[in-house]
Amino acid sequence: MKIAEGFLLKSIAGANVVVPTGSNTVSFGNVITLNETGVFLFELLEKDTTEENLVASMLKEFDIDEATAKADVAEFVGKLKEAGLLV
């Protein structure tokens, strides 16, 4: 899975925001603001990856346990899928 074409991560006025480009600007009606962890995961998802890889990367980068990493990744991926940002 990875971030769909036409979505970029930008820092705007100190906030990390997912910005639609091209035809997505017409059909995408959401504003998605990401925290540090969301930015970390979004950047990993700019290349094709798996939930297992995201969890492993979270465990290496942040001081959290595996159960928390799995829950956080599942929630983040679910929200991106719901918003149509993953392919």
C-alpha atoms as a PDB file:
ATOM      1  CA  MET A   1       0.000   0.000   0.000  1.00  0.00           C
ATOM      2  CA  LYS A   2       1.092   3.562  -0.552  1.00  0.00           C
ATOM      3  CA  ILE A   3      -0.155   7.143  -0.748  1.00  0.00           C
ATOM      4  CA  ALA A   4      -2.254   7.704  -3.875  1.00  0.00           C
ATOM      5  CA  GLU A   5      -0.956   9.973  -6.623  1.00  0.00           C
ATOM      6  CA  GLY A   6      -1.993  13.577  -6.223  1.00  0.00           C
ATOM      7  CA  PHE A   7      -1.498  14.038  -2.477  1.00  0.00           C
ATOM      8  CA  LEU A   8       1.450  15.890  -0.955  1.00  0.00           C
ATOM      9  CA  LEU A   9       2.562  16.600   2.575  1.00  0.00           C
ATOM     10  CA  LYS A  10       3.225  20.308   3.134  1.00  0.00           C
ATOM     11  CA  SER A  11       4.109  22.441   6.118  1.00  0.00           C
ATOM     12  CA  ILE A  12       1.728  25.406   6.139  1.00  0.00           C
ATOM     13  CA  ALA A  13       1.860  28.005   8.916  1.00  0.00           C
ATOM     14  CA  GLY A  14       3.596  25.513  11.188  1.00  0.00           C
ATOM     15  CA  ALA A  15       1.081  22.722  10.571  1.00  0.00           C
ATOM     16  CA  ASN A  16       1.726  19.534   8.578  1.00  0.00           C
ATOM     17  CA  VAL A  17      -1.133  19.255   6.100  1.00  0.00           C
ATOM     18  CA  VAL A  18      -1.989  16.786   3.335  1.00  0.00           C
ATOM     19  CA  VAL A  19      -2.655  18.810   0.194  1.00  0.00           C
ATOM     20  CA  PRO A  20      -4.497  17.441  -2.867  1.00  0.00           C
ATOM     21  CA  THR A  21      -3.112  18.248  -6.318  1.00  0.00           C
ATOM     22  CA  GLY A  22      -4.488  17.983  -9.840  1.00  0.00           C
ATOM     23  CA  SER A  23      -7.975  16.552 -10.178  1.00  0.00           C
ATOM     24  CA  ASN A  24      -7.958  15.652  -6.479  1.00  0.00           C
ATOM     25  CA  THR A  25      -8.424  19.331  -5.617  1.00  0.00           C
ATOM     26  CA  VAL A  26     -11.993  19.110  -6.928  1.00  0.00           C
ATOM     27  CA  SER A  27     -13.022  15.795  -5.361  1.00  0.00           C
ATOM     28  CA  PHE A  28     -11.121  15.872  -2.050  1.00  0.00           C
ATOM     29  CA  GLY A  29     -13.090  17.823   0.541  1.00  0.00           C
ATOM     30  CA  ASN A  30     -11.087  17.019   3.662  1.00  0.00           C
ATOM     31  CA  VAL A  31      -8.320  18.796   5.517  1.00  0.00           C
ATOM     32  CA  ILE A  32      -5.887  16.348   7.072  1.00  0.00           C
ATOM     33  CA  THR A  33      -3.419  17.717   9.599  1.00  0.00           C
ATOM     34  CA  LEU A  34      -0.701  15.363  10.830  1.00  0.00           C
ATOM     35  CA  ASN A  35       1.301  15.273  14.033  1.00  0.00           C
ATOM     36  CA  GLU A  36       4.932  14.089  14.204  1.00  0.00           C
ATOM     37  CA  THR A  37       3.948  10.422  14.135  1.00  0.00           C
ATOM     38  CA  GLY A  38       1.529  10.960  11.254  1.00  0.00           C
ATOM     39  CA  VAL A  39       4.242  12.730   9.251  1.00  0.00           C
ATOM     40  CA  PHE A  40       6.629   9.841   9.942  1.00  0.00           C
ATOM     41  CA  LEU A  41       4.092   7.262   8.729  1.00  0.00           C
ATOM     42  CA  PHE A  42       2.956   9.368   5.748  1.00  0.00           C
ATOM     43  CA  GLU A  43       6.546   9.671   4.534  1.00  0.00           C
ATOM     44  CA  LEU A  44       6.999   5.892   4.788  1.00  0.00           C
ATOM     45  CA  LEU A  45       3.777   5.437   2.822  1.00  0.00           C
ATOM     46  CA  GLU A  46       5.057   7.582  -0.039  1.00  0.00           C
ATOM     47  CA  LYS A  47       6.761   4.342  -1.114  1.00  0.00           C
ATOM     48  CA  ASP A  48       4.983   0.996  -1.293  1.00  0.00           C
ATOM     49  CA  THR A  49       5.069  -0.661   2.141  1.00  0.00           C
ATOM     50  CA  THR A  50       3.109  -2.907   4.498  1.00  0.00           C
ATOM     51  CA  GLU A  51       1.493  -2.401   7.879  1.00  0.00           C
ATOM     52  CA  GLU A  52       4.101  -4.752   9.337  1.00  0.00           C
ATOM     53  CA  ASN A  53       6.897  -2.522   8.030  1.00  0.00           C
ATOM     54  CA  LEU A  54       5.174   0.556   9.443  1.00  0.00           C
ATOM     55  CA  VAL A  55       4.936  -1.098  12.869  1.00  0.00           C
ATOM     56  CA  ALA A  56       8.614  -2.153  12.756  1.00  0.00           C
ATOM     57  CA  SER A  57       9.629   1.369  11.766  1.00  0.00           C
ATOM     58  CA  MET A  58       7.570   2.854  14.598  1.00  0.00           C
ATOM     59  CA  LEU A  59       9.264   0.539  17.099  1.00  0.00           C
ATOM     60  CA  LYS A  60      12.694   1.662  15.875  1.00  0.00           C
ATOM     61  CA  GLU A  61      11.851   5.383  15.837  1.00  0.00           C
ATOM     62  CA  PHE A  62       9.685   5.842  18.935  1.00  0.00           C
ATOM     63  CA  ASP A  63       9.830   4.575  22.499  1.00  0.00           C
ATOM     64  CA  ILE A  64       6.585   2.569  22.394  1.00  0.00           C
ATOM     65  CA  ASP A  65       5.579  -1.053  22.817  1.00  0.00           C
ATOM     66  CA  GLU A  66       4.465  -3.288  19.963  1.00  0.00           C
ATOM     67  CA  ALA A  67       0.783  -3.285  20.933  1.00  0.00           C
ATOM     68  CA  THR A  68       0.688   0.525  20.877  1.00  0.00           C
ATOM     69  CA  ALA A  69       2.550   0.651  17.550  1.00  0.00           C
ATOM     70  CA  LYS A  70       0.131  -1.845  15.972  1.00  0.00           C
ATOM     71  CA  ALA A  71      -2.913   0.042  17.251  1.00  0.00           C
ATOM     72  CA  ASP A  72      -1.567   3.423  16.120  1.00  0.00           C
ATOM     73  CA  VAL A  73      -0.639   2.143  12.656  1.00  0.00           C
ATOM     74  CA  ALA A  74      -4.001   0.409  12.210  1.00  0.00           C
ATOM     75  CA  GLU A  75      -5.856   3.584  13.197  1.00  0.00           C
ATOM     76  CA  PHE A  76      -3.743   5.806  10.919  1.00  0.00           C
ATOM     77  CA  VAL A  77      -4.011   3.454   7.932  1.00  0.00           C
ATOM     78  CA  GLY A  78      -7.760   3.145   8.504  1.00  0.00           C
ATOM     79  CA  LYS A  79      -8.220   6.911   8.441  1.00  0.00           C
ATOM     80  CA  LEU A  80      -6.146   7.257   5.271  1.00  0.00           C
ATOM     81  CA  LYS A  81      -8.145   4.489   3.579  1.00  0.00           C
ATOM     82  CA  GLU A  82     -11.401   6.124   4.620  1.00  0.00           C
ATOM     83  CA  ALA A  83     -10.225   9.420   3.118  1.00  0.00           C
ATOM     84  CA  GLY A  84      -9.171   7.663  -0.120  1.00  0.00           C
ATOM     85  CA  LEU A  85      -5.461   8.414   0.254  1.00  0.00           C
ATOM     86  CA  LEU A  86      -4.133   4.846  -0.030  1.00  0.00           C
ATOM     87  CA  VAL A  87      -3.797   2.558  -3.018  1.00  0.00           C
END
